[in-house]
Amino acid sequence: MPARVLYAAALPLLSAALLVAVATPSECATSDSPRVQALRRQNSGFQMARHGQLTEAIAEYDAGIALDPSVSSLYYSRGLAYFELREYETALADFNKAIELESDEPQYYYQRAVVYDVLGSPDLARTDLQTVLSMTSDPDFVYPAQNLLARIIGGD
């Protein structure tokens, strides 16, 4: 799947991640804070990724992580880019780190389930999809999770 397609499909989910990662009011007052700089790098990386510049996007996410390694959505964003590059193990590591930092984000579990599915680990994918379904009733998360779960269970 071309990069633009993945990022277009992930836009609602990534937008939610960016909203979660917003800076606090005191950080906004000091626009030079590492977190604000990290989020700027993430935004820059996201724009690059949307235009298929995945290697450049990863460099931006790396720079953001170096500035503030506690921003879970940077790992999520970088994981999406690595997934597009078919570097599935690296993507998996990033989704794992995003979940470690912020375990209540359903999109992180969904994307990890997609990687598990690609890597041929349907039981792990199924567990993550069930986690997504237990976390939210938002159709933006529920419908894709249900569809993938049905395909995994059905063996298609």
Protein backbone atom coordinates (compact mmCIF):
# COMPACT_ATOMS: atom_id res chain seq x y z
CA MET A 1 0.00 0.00 0.00
CA PRO A 2 1.50 3.40 -0.97
CA ALA A 3 2.49 5.73 1.87
CA ARG A 4 -0.12 8.30 0.98
CA VAL A 5 -2.87 5.70 1.30
CA LEU A 6 -1.77 4.56 4.77
CA TYR A 7 -1.39 8.09 6.05
CA ALA A 8 -4.71 9.16 4.54
CA ALA A 9 -6.39 6.20 6.24
CA ALA A 10 -4.55 6.87 9.50
CA LEU A 11 -5.30 10.63 9.50
CA PRO A 12 -8.28 10.47 11.90
CA LEU A 13 -6.34 8.19 14.24
CA LEU A 14 -3.14 10.20 14.05
CA SER A 15 -5.05 13.43 14.59
CA ALA A 16 -6.41 11.94 17.80
CA ALA A 17 -2.87 11.04 18.84
CA LEU A 18 -1.68 14.56 18.18
CA LEU A 19 -4.50 15.97 20.27
CA VAL A 20 -3.48 13.69 23.12
CA ALA A 21 0.10 14.89 22.83
CA VAL A 22 -0.67 18.61 23.09
CA ALA A 23 1.53 20.75 25.25
CA THR A 24 0.36 22.05 28.61
CA PRO A 25 -0.47 25.79 28.94
CA SER A 26 2.82 26.46 30.74
CA GLU A 27 4.72 24.74 27.92
CA CYS A 28 2.92 26.89 25.37
CA ALA A 29 4.14 29.97 27.22
CA THR A 30 7.69 28.73 26.70
CA SER A 31 7.62 27.70 23.07
CA ASP A 32 11.21 26.50 23.36
CA SER A 33 10.28 23.65 25.69
CA PRO A 34 11.52 20.24 24.54
CA ARG A 35 7.95 18.90 24.35
CA VAL A 36 6.77 21.72 22.09
CA GLN A 37 9.84 21.30 19.89
CA ALA A 38 9.23 17.54 19.76
CA LEU A 39 5.62 18.08 18.70
CA ARG A 40 6.76 20.47 15.98
CA ARG A 41 9.12 17.80 14.68
CA GLN A 42 6.24 15.32 14.74
CA ASN A 43 4.05 17.65 12.71
CA SER A 44 6.86 18.17 10.21
CA GLY A 45 7.38 14.42 9.97
CA PHE A 46 3.70 13.81 9.47
CA GLN A 47 3.61 16.26 6.55
CA MET A 48 6.60 14.54 4.97
CA ALA A 49 5.06 11.11 5.43
CA ARG A 50 1.82 12.24 3.80
CA HIS A 51 3.88 13.08 0.71
CA GLY A 52 5.66 9.75 0.69
CA GLN A 53 8.92 11.06 2.17
CA LEU A 54 9.11 8.31 4.75
CA THR A 55 12.84 8.34 5.42
CA GLU A 56 12.75 12.08 6.02
CA ALA A 57 9.68 11.68 8.23
CA ILE A 58 11.46 9.08 10.33
CA ALA A 59 14.38 11.49 10.77
CA GLU A 60 11.93 14.11 12.08
CA TYR A 61 10.32 11.62 14.47
CA ASP A 62 13.79 10.58 15.65
CA ALA A 63 14.64 14.23 16.33
CA GLY A 64 11.38 14.66 18.23
CA ILE A 65 12.06 11.56 20.32
CA ALA A 66 15.54 12.88 21.11
CA LEU A 67 13.95 16.10 22.37
CA ASP A 68 11.25 14.40 24.47
CA PRO A 69 11.22 10.60 24.58
CA SER A 70 8.00 10.58 26.63
CA VAL A 71 5.75 11.58 23.69
CA SER A 72 4.02 8.31 22.81
CA SER A 73 2.56 9.61 19.55
CA LEU A 74 6.07 10.13 18.14
CA TYR A 75 6.68 6.38 18.40
CA TYR A 76 3.25 5.71 16.90
CA SER A 77 3.94 8.03 13.97
CA ARG A 78 7.37 6.54 13.39
CA GLY A 79 5.85 3.05 13.59
CA LEU A 80 3.44 3.95 10.81
CA ALA A 81 6.33 5.09 8.63
CA TYR A 82 8.33 1.93 9.32
CA PHE A 83 5.24 -0.14 8.55
CA GLU A 84 4.95 1.57 5.16
CA LEU A 85 8.59 0.76 4.52
CA ARG A 86 7.76 -2.85 5.37
CA GLU A 87 10.12 -2.80 8.33
CA TYR A 88 7.58 -4.65 10.42
CA GLU A 89 9.76 -5.61 13.37
CA THR A 90 10.88 -2.00 13.79
CA ALA A 91 7.29 -0.81 13.49
CA LEU A 92 6.28 -3.36 16.12
CA ALA A 93 8.95 -2.05 18.50
CA ASP A 94 7.63 1.49 18.06
CA PHE A 95 4.02 0.47 18.67
CA ASN A 96 5.15 -1.44 21.77
CA LYS A 97 6.93 1.66 23.06
CA ALA A 98 3.89 3.86 22.36
CA ILE A 99 1.73 1.43 24.36
CA GLU A 100 4.30 1.31 27.16
CA LEU A 101 4.14 5.11 27.43
CA GLU A 102 0.39 5.45 26.98
CA SER A 103 -1.61 2.28 27.39
CA ASP A 104 -5.05 3.80 26.94
CA GLU A 105 -4.84 4.69 23.23
CA PRO A 106 -6.83 2.21 21.11
CA GLN A 107 -5.13 3.20 17.85
CA TYR A 108 -1.81 1.99 19.22
CA TYR A 109 -3.25 -1.47 19.85
CA TYR A 110 -4.99 -1.51 16.48
CA GLN A 111 -1.80 -0.71 14.58
CA ARG A 112 0.13 -3.29 16.58
CA ALA A 113 -2.56 -5.84 15.70
CA VAL A 114 -2.09 -5.01 12.02
CA VAL A 115 1.65 -5.66 12.37
CA TYR A 116 1.03 -8.91 14.23
CA ASP A 117 -1.31 -9.95 11.44
CA VAL A 118 1.29 -9.21 8.77
CA LEU A 119 3.94 -11.08 10.76
CA GLY A 120 1.68 -14.14 10.97
CA SER A 121 0.76 -13.92 14.67
CA PRO A 122 -3.04 -14.07 14.59
CA ASP A 123 -3.41 -14.84 18.30
CA LEU A 124 -1.48 -11.71 19.28
CA ALA A 125 -3.43 -9.67 16.72
CA ARG A 126 -6.71 -11.02 18.07
CA THR A 127 -5.74 -10.08 21.64
CA ASP A 128 -4.94 -6.50 20.61
CA LEU A 129 -8.14 -6.18 18.60
CA GLN A 130 -10.17 -7.39 21.56
CA THR A 131 -8.38 -4.77 23.66
CA VAL A 132 -9.42 -2.09 21.18
CA LEU A 133 -13.04 -3.24 21.32
CA SER A 134 -13.00 -3.21 25.13
CA MET A 135 -11.52 0.31 25.26
CA THR A 136 -13.86 2.28 23.04
CA SER A 137 -17.16 2.41 21.24
CA ASP A 138 -15.90 4.99 18.73
CA PRO A 139 -16.78 3.68 15.26
CA ASP A 140 -13.48 5.01 13.87
CA PHE A 141 -11.78 2.34 15.97
CA VAL A 142 -14.50 -0.29 16.35
CA TYR A 143 -15.31 -0.91 12.68
CA PRO A 144 -11.74 -1.45 11.48
CA ALA A 145 -11.01 -3.63 14.53
CA GLN A 146 -14.14 -5.71 13.95
CA ASN A 147 -13.34 -6.13 10.26
CA LEU A 148 -9.78 -7.26 10.89
CA LEU A 149 -10.87 -9.53 13.73
CA ALA A 150 -13.51 -11.14 11.51
CA ARG A 151 -10.92 -11.72 8.78
CA ILE A 152 -8.47 -13.25 11.26
CA ILE A 153 -11.10 -15.49 12.82
CA GLY A 154 -12.50 -16.40 9.43
CA GLY A 155 -9.04 -17.17 8.10
CA ASP A 156 -9.41 -15.03 4.97
